[in-house]
Amino acid sequence: MDNKKRLIEHQKPEELEELLKYFENLFNPLEEKEISDIDLCDEPILYIMGCARSGSTLVYQYLTESGLFTYPTNFISRFYYAPYLGAKLQQMLIEYDFREEIFTKNKTSLFTSNLGKTKGVMSPHEFWYFWRRFFIFGDIQKLSPEVIKDVNTDKFIKDLRAFQSVKKLPLVLKGMILNWHIPLLSSLYENSYFLFVKRDIKTNANSLVRAREKFFGDAKQWYSFKPPNYHKVINLEPIYQTVWQVMVTNLAIETGLNSIDSTKVFTIDYEKFCQNPQSLLEELCHKWKKEMPSNMKNLPQYFDIKKHPNISLYNWDNILSKVENLNLS
């Protein structure tokens, strides 16, 4: 998404971008040396898949708060070029800072987020900079065979497993950036799993329109990843575009998941998750033969589903009918 088109509060600070590049040049060679001979972790990796605004961030926050997983935090996100060293630094500066002399570990905004962004040094991060080190996207989310051929997939999965080895726990992270390439992602590591978060189409599409307004100040600007052939709907009203976006994205995910081992796939309905989030942890622990986290009593037993403004103003029968008649491929 064009940085200049974003509202100022969502723009990337140039000073931070320069510092990230500075430390990348310093740390990346050291990271290569450090992970060259370590024993890689064999615990599961769980990728969260779904359309933007599907509720994936809340699901992500809940799983990371359970203690069952390791995950990229807001702190580690600044070390996307050296996640193993970032995890080690996090241990030294935060996790082993028992007197909180440097940082406070309190997540003051637990289970809240702003367009997928969380607050707090130990809160989960989307980690897209890490993914984009390996997968070079153009205008759309689907990569060409030529681009895929040049991706250093061995390095990608080694970096994740090295990061995971710091705590030797299952790793959870968002994988939505590869919604169109689930079979490829699955092939990189035998112990890979996928969690597909689905949301009511109307609510998801309406939330995407609201996100456009909040991020760009303009509902006509495309928010989040662009599916192939998005130009076919670019002249339609925003709500038609976002309904199409949800349908096409979900279809791509379902197609990808149907082509891999079904035992590697978990699918949850966001609304049902909010009613009983613990059932997801129970399913994961049963599959992986893990004990339920000891802090379950401290986790929410349900989440209130927020009301969505303007959702009742649309003629949904007309919108859904028109979009369903478009070619979703």
Protein backbone atom coordinates (compact mmCIF):
# COMPACT_ATOMS: atom_id res chain seq x y z
CA MET A 1 0.00 0.00 0.00
CA ASP A 2 1.40 3.35 -1.10
CA ASN A 3 2.81 5.03 2.01
CA LYS A 4 1.93 8.53 0.77
CA LYS A 5 -1.75 7.64 0.31
CA ARG A 6 -2.11 6.57 3.94
CA LEU A 7 -3.39 8.90 6.60
CA ILE A 8 -0.41 10.37 8.43
CA GLU A 9 -0.91 8.21 11.55
CA HIS A 10 -0.52 5.06 9.41
CA GLN A 11 2.52 6.16 7.40
CA LYS A 12 5.89 4.48 7.92
CA PRO A 13 8.38 6.85 9.59
CA GLU A 14 11.39 7.35 7.33
CA GLU A 15 13.71 7.59 10.35
CA LEU A 16 12.64 4.15 11.56
CA GLU A 17 13.01 2.63 8.09
CA GLU A 18 16.59 3.95 7.94
CA LEU A 19 17.42 2.47 11.34
CA LEU A 20 15.95 -0.90 10.37
CA LYS A 21 18.19 -1.01 7.31
CA TYR A 22 21.19 0.06 9.37
CA PHE A 23 20.77 -2.77 11.86
CA GLU A 24 19.91 -5.24 9.14
CA ASN A 25 23.34 -4.70 7.62
CA LEU A 26 24.95 -5.20 11.05
CA PHE A 27 22.93 -8.12 12.37
CA ASN A 28 22.15 -10.23 9.33
CA PRO A 29 25.68 -11.64 8.86
CA LEU A 30 25.85 -12.45 12.58
CA GLU A 31 22.48 -14.19 12.42
CA GLU A 32 23.73 -16.36 9.56
CA LYS A 33 26.71 -17.41 11.63
CA GLU A 34 24.69 -18.07 14.79
CA ILE A 35 22.07 -20.34 13.23
CA SER A 36 24.40 -22.26 10.92
CA ASP A 37 24.91 -25.12 13.38
CA ILE A 38 22.02 -24.96 15.86
CA ASP A 39 19.54 -27.79 16.30
CA LEU A 40 16.35 -26.68 14.61
CA CYS A 41 13.10 -27.07 16.51
CA ASP A 42 10.70 -29.82 15.38
CA GLU A 43 7.60 -28.39 17.06
CA PRO A 44 4.56 -27.50 14.90
CA ILE A 45 4.28 -24.24 13.01
CA LEU A 46 0.73 -22.90 12.82
CA TYR A 47 -0.02 -20.39 10.07
CA ILE A 48 -3.15 -18.26 10.46
CA MET A 49 -4.85 -17.77 7.09
CA GLY A 50 -7.88 -15.69 6.13
CA CYS A 51 -9.08 -12.52 4.49
CA ALA A 52 -8.14 -9.16 5.96
CA ARG A 53 -10.59 -8.05 8.68
CA SER A 54 -11.74 -11.64 9.25
CA GLY A 55 -10.93 -11.57 12.98
CA SER A 56 -7.51 -13.14 12.58
CA THR A 57 -5.81 -10.65 14.91
CA LEU A 58 -8.07 -11.49 17.86
CA VAL A 59 -7.54 -15.22 17.26
CA TYR A 60 -3.79 -14.58 17.05
CA GLN A 61 -3.79 -12.60 20.30
CA TYR A 62 -5.76 -15.29 22.10
CA LEU A 63 -3.39 -18.06 21.01
CA THR A 64 -0.26 -16.11 21.92
CA GLU A 65 -1.66 -15.23 25.33
CA SER A 66 -2.27 -18.91 26.10
CA GLY A 67 1.43 -19.66 26.65
CA LEU A 68 1.26 -22.62 24.28
CA PHE A 69 3.17 -20.83 21.52
CA THR A 70 6.20 -18.78 20.70
CA TYR A 71 5.47 -15.96 18.26
CA PRO A 72 6.92 -12.79 16.70
CA THR A 73 6.34 -9.93 19.13
CA ASN A 74 6.35 -6.22 18.44
CA PHE A 75 9.91 -6.23 19.81
CA ILE A 76 11.07 -9.06 17.56
CA SER A 77 9.45 -7.41 14.54
CA ARG A 78 12.31 -4.88 14.60
CA PHE A 79 14.63 -7.84 13.98
CA TYR A 80 12.84 -9.31 10.95
CA TYR A 81 16.28 -9.76 9.35
CA ALA A 82 17.60 -11.67 12.40
CA PRO A 83 14.65 -13.21 14.30
CA TYR A 84 16.82 -15.70 16.19
CA LEU A 85 18.99 -12.93 17.64
CA GLY A 86 15.89 -10.83 18.20
CA ALA A 87 14.39 -13.62 20.29
CA LYS A 88 17.62 -13.89 22.31
CA LEU A 89 17.67 -10.14 22.90
CA GLN A 90 14.04 -10.28 23.96
CA GLN A 91 14.92 -12.85 26.58
CA MET A 92 17.76 -10.70 27.92
CA LEU A 93 15.99 -7.34 27.85
CA ILE A 94 12.40 -8.28 28.61
CA GLU A 95 11.69 -11.85 29.66
CA TYR A 96 14.59 -12.06 32.11
CA ASP A 97 14.14 -8.47 33.27
CA PHE A 98 12.50 -9.81 36.42
CA ARG A 99 12.44 -6.46 38.23
CA GLU A 100 11.18 -4.66 35.11
CA GLU A 101 14.13 -2.28 35.23
CA ILE A 102 14.08 -1.80 31.46
CA PHE A 103 10.57 -2.57 30.21
CA THR A 104 7.21 -3.28 31.72
CA LYS A 105 5.76 -6.57 30.51
CA ASN A 106 2.16 -5.50 31.04
CA LYS A 107 0.06 -5.59 27.88
CA THR A 108 -2.10 -2.58 28.63
CA SER A 109 -4.18 -3.10 25.49
CA LEU A 110 -4.67 -6.86 25.68
CA PHE A 111 -7.07 -8.20 23.00
CA THR A 112 -7.35 -4.83 21.30
CA SER A 113 -5.76 -3.77 18.01
CA ASN A 114 -5.87 -1.07 15.37
CA LEU A 115 -6.15 -2.48 11.83
CA GLY A 116 -4.13 -5.52 12.88
CA LYS A 117 -1.55 -3.51 14.85
CA THR A 118 -1.18 -4.26 18.54
CA LYS A 119 0.44 -2.27 21.35
CA GLY A 120 2.94 -3.54 23.87
CA VAL A 121 6.46 -4.85 23.53
CA MET A 122 5.36 -8.49 23.97
CA SER A 123 2.16 -8.29 21.92
CA PRO A 124 2.00 -10.30 18.66
CA HIS A 125 3.07 -8.72 15.39
CA GLU A 126 2.08 -9.52 11.80
CA PHE A 127 5.77 -9.79 10.82
CA TRP A 128 5.22 -8.92 7.16
CA TYR A 129 8.73 -7.45 6.80
CA PHE A 130 10.14 -10.90 7.52
CA TRP A 131 7.98 -12.54 4.83
CA ARG A 132 8.85 -9.86 2.29
CA ARG A 133 12.56 -10.61 2.70
CA PHE A 134 11.85 -13.80 0.76
CA PHE A 135 8.64 -13.33 -1.23
CA ILE A 136 8.76 -10.36 -3.58
CA PHE A 137 5.25 -9.22 -4.43
CA GLY A 138 4.20 -6.91 -7.21
CA ASP A 139 0.74 -5.43 -7.51
CA ILE A 140 -1.11 -8.62 -6.60
CA GLN A 141 -0.77 -11.26 -3.92
CA LYS A 142 -0.31 -14.20 -6.28
CA LEU A 143 3.29 -14.81 -7.33
CA SER A 144 4.38 -15.96 -10.76
CA PRO A 145 6.20 -19.31 -11.17
CA GLU A 146 9.33 -17.36 -12.14
CA VAL A 147 9.29 -15.37 -8.89
CA ILE A 148 8.61 -18.47 -6.79
CA LYS A 149 11.53 -20.27 -8.40
CA ASP A 150 13.90 -17.60 -7.08
CA VAL A 151 12.59 -17.69 -3.49
CA ASN A 152 15.10 -19.10 -1.00
CA THR A 153 12.51 -21.31 0.70
CA ASP A 154 15.17 -23.30 2.57
CA LYS A 155 16.43 -20.13 4.22
CA PHE A 156 12.88 -18.96 4.95
CA ILE A 157 11.87 -22.08 6.86
CA LYS A 158 15.25 -22.39 8.56
CA ASP A 159 14.94 -18.86 9.92
CA LEU A 160 11.50 -19.64 11.34
CA ARG A 161 12.60 -22.89 12.93
CA ALA A 162 15.74 -21.27 14.34
CA PHE A 163 13.61 -18.54 15.91
CA GLN A 164 11.31 -21.25 17.24
CA SER A 165 14.24 -23.15 18.75
CA VAL A 166 14.91 -20.37 21.28
CA LYS A 167 11.88 -21.45 23.32
CA LYS A 168 11.29 -24.88 21.78
CA LEU A 169 7.56 -24.33 21.52
CA PRO A 170 5.04 -24.50 18.69
CA LEU A 171 5.20 -21.33 16.61
CA VAL A 172 2.09 -19.37 15.60
CA LEU A 173 2.14 -16.48 13.15
CA LYS A 174 0.02 -14.95 10.46
CA GLY A 175 0.55 -16.50 7.03
CA MET A 176 -2.12 -14.56 5.16
CA ILE A 177 0.44 -12.96 2.90
CA LEU A 178 0.64 -16.36 1.17
CA ASN A 179 -3.10 -17.01 0.95
CA TRP A 180 -2.57 -17.94 -2.72
CA HIS A 181 0.36 -20.28 -2.05
CA ILE A 182 -0.69 -22.62 0.75
CA PRO A 183 0.59 -25.81 -0.98
CA LEU A 184 4.03 -24.23 -1.33
CA LEU A 185 4.08 -23.16 2.31
CA SER A 186 2.92 -26.59 3.43
CA SER A 187 5.67 -28.33 1.45
CA LEU A 188 8.50 -26.51 3.25
CA TYR A 189 8.14 -28.26 6.61
CA GLU A 190 6.38 -31.51 7.46
CA ASN A 191 5.09 -30.18 10.79
CA SER A 192 3.21 -27.23 9.25
CA TYR A 193 -0.44 -26.57 10.09
CA PHE A 194 -2.99 -24.04 8.88
CA LEU A 195 -5.76 -22.25 10.75
CA PHE A 196 -8.36 -20.74 8.43
CA VAL A 197 -10.34 -17.95 10.09
CA LYS A 198 -13.65 -17.31 8.32
CA ARG A 199 -16.08 -14.51 9.05
CA ASP A 200 -19.58 -13.70 7.91
CA ILE A 201 -19.14 -12.22 4.41
CA LYS A 202 -21.31 -9.17 5.05
CA THR A 203 -19.53 -8.28 8.28
CA ASN A 204 -16.10 -8.94 6.78
CA ALA A 205 -16.80 -6.83 3.69
CA ASN A 206 -18.27 -3.97 5.71
CA SER A 207 -15.23 -4.03 8.01
CA LEU A 208 -12.97 -3.74 4.97
CA VAL A 209 -14.80 -0.60 3.82
CA ARG A 210 -14.40 0.88 7.30
CA ALA A 211 -10.70 -0.05 7.24
CA ARG A 212 -10.23 1.80 3.94
CA GLU A 213 -11.73 4.93 5.47
CA LYS A 214 -9.65 4.62 8.62
CA PHE A 215 -6.37 3.88 6.85
CA PHE A 216 -6.60 6.14 3.80
CA GLY A 217 -9.47 8.47 4.62
CA ASP A 218 -10.99 7.23 1.35
CA ALA A 219 -13.21 4.16 0.89
CA LYS A 220 -12.19 3.93 -2.78
CA GLN A 221 -8.58 3.04 -1.93
CA TRP A 222 -7.86 -0.71 -1.87
CA TYR A 223 -6.98 -2.01 1.58
CA SER A 224 -4.80 -5.08 2.20
CA PHE A 225 -3.63 -7.69 -0.30
CA LYS A 226 -4.91 -7.51 -3.86
CA PRO A 227 -6.21 -10.72 -5.43
CA PRO A 228 -5.46 -11.49 -9.08
CA ASN A 229 -7.87 -9.79 -11.48
CA TYR A 230 -8.92 -7.18 -8.93
CA HIS A 231 -9.07 -4.68 -11.80
CA LYS A 232 -12.36 -6.26 -12.91
CA VAL A 233 -14.12 -4.75 -9.88
CA ILE A 234 -12.10 -1.57 -9.48
CA ASN A 235 -14.86 0.61 -10.98
CA LEU A 236 -17.59 -0.82 -8.74
CA GLU A 237 -18.74 0.77 -5.49
CA PRO A 238 -16.45 -0.03 -2.51
CA ILE A 239 -18.85 -2.48 -0.86
CA TYR A 240 -19.05 -4.54 -4.07
CA GLN A 241 -15.27 -4.57 -4.23
CA THR A 242 -14.87 -5.76 -0.65
CA VAL A 243 -17.52 -8.48 -0.97
CA TRP A 244 -15.66 -9.71 -4.04
CA GLN A 245 -12.36 -9.45 -2.14
CA VAL A 246 -13.68 -11.64 0.68
CA MET A 247 -15.18 -14.22 -1.66
CA VAL A 248 -12.13 -14.48 -3.92
CA THR A 249 -9.69 -14.64 -1.02
CA ASN A 250 -11.67 -17.32 0.82
CA LEU A 251 -11.97 -19.34 -2.38
CA ALA A 252 -8.20 -19.21 -2.90
CA ILE A 253 -7.59 -20.36 0.67
CA GLU A 254 -10.13 -23.18 0.41
CA THR A 255 -8.62 -24.33 -2.88
CA GLY A 256 -5.13 -24.36 -1.39
CA LEU A 257 -6.20 -26.17 1.78
CA ASN A 258 -8.10 -28.78 -0.22
CA SER A 259 -4.85 -29.71 -1.97
CA ILE A 260 -2.90 -30.54 1.20
CA ASP A 261 -3.29 -33.15 3.93
CA SER A 262 -6.60 -32.47 5.67
CA THR A 263 -5.11 -33.44 9.04
CA LYS A 264 -2.98 -30.30 8.80
CA VAL A 265 -5.99 -27.98 8.55
CA PHE A 266 -8.11 -26.28 11.19
CA THR A 267 -11.05 -24.09 10.19
CA ILE A 268 -12.88 -21.80 12.59
CA ASP A 269 -15.85 -19.53 12.23
CA TYR A 270 -14.96 -16.21 13.84
CA GLU A 271 -18.39 -15.70 15.37
CA LYS A 272 -18.31 -19.18 16.94
CA PHE A 273 -14.76 -18.60 18.16
CA CYS A 274 -15.92 -15.50 20.03
CA GLN A 275 -18.61 -17.58 21.77
CA ASN A 276 -16.17 -20.29 22.88
CA PRO A 277 -12.49 -19.49 22.22
CA GLN A 278 -11.27 -22.30 24.48
CA SER A 279 -12.55 -24.91 22.04
CA LEU A 280 -9.83 -23.90 19.57
CA LEU A 281 -7.08 -24.50 22.12
CA GLU A 282 -8.66 -27.82 23.03
CA GLU A 283 -8.61 -28.89 19.38
CA LEU A 284 -4.98 -27.86 18.91
CA CYS A 285 -3.79 -29.54 22.11
CA HIS A 286 -5.64 -32.73 21.23
CA LYS A 287 -4.11 -32.82 17.76
CA TRP A 288 -0.57 -32.20 19.02
CA LYS A 289 -0.94 -34.25 22.22
CA LYS A 290 -0.17 -31.25 24.40
CA GLU A 291 -1.52 -30.47 27.85
CA MET A 292 -3.94 -27.58 28.03
CA PRO A 293 -2.19 -24.34 29.08
CA SER A 294 -2.06 -23.83 32.84
CA ASN A 295 -3.39 -20.26 32.63
CA MET A 296 -6.70 -21.12 30.95
CA LYS A 297 -8.66 -19.59 33.83
CA ASN A 298 -7.02 -16.24 33.06
CA LEU A 299 -8.08 -16.23 29.41
CA PRO A 300 -11.44 -14.85 28.26
CA GLN A 301 -14.27 -17.37 28.11
CA TYR A 302 -15.94 -15.40 25.32
CA PHE A 303 -15.58 -12.17 23.34
CA ASP A 304 -18.31 -9.64 22.66
CA ILE A 305 -18.87 -9.31 18.94
CA LYS A 306 -18.78 -5.62 18.08
CA LYS A 307 -21.63 -3.99 16.23
CA HIS A 308 -20.69 -2.73 12.79
CA PRO A 309 -21.91 0.72 11.71
CA ASN A 310 -23.78 1.10 8.42
CA ILE A 311 -24.05 -2.64 7.80
CA SER A 312 -27.85 -2.43 7.70
CA LEU A 313 -27.79 0.33 5.10
CA TYR A 314 -26.77 -1.97 2.25
CA ASN A 315 -29.05 -4.01 0.00
CA TRP A 316 -27.21 -7.25 0.68
CA ASP A 317 -29.36 -9.48 -1.52
CA ASN A 318 -28.55 -7.29 -4.52
CA ILE A 319 -24.86 -6.96 -3.65
CA LEU A 320 -24.27 -10.66 -3.02
CA SER A 321 -26.22 -11.67 -6.12
CA LYS A 322 -24.26 -9.30 -8.35
CA VAL A 323 -20.88 -10.34 -6.98
CA GLU A 324 -21.70 -14.05 -7.16
CA ASN A 325 -22.35 -13.61 -10.89
CA LEU A 326 -18.80 -12.30 -11.38
CA ASN A 327 -16.00 -14.70 -12.22
CA LEU A 328 -14.20 -15.36 -8.93
CA SER A 329 -11.18 -17.04 -10.49
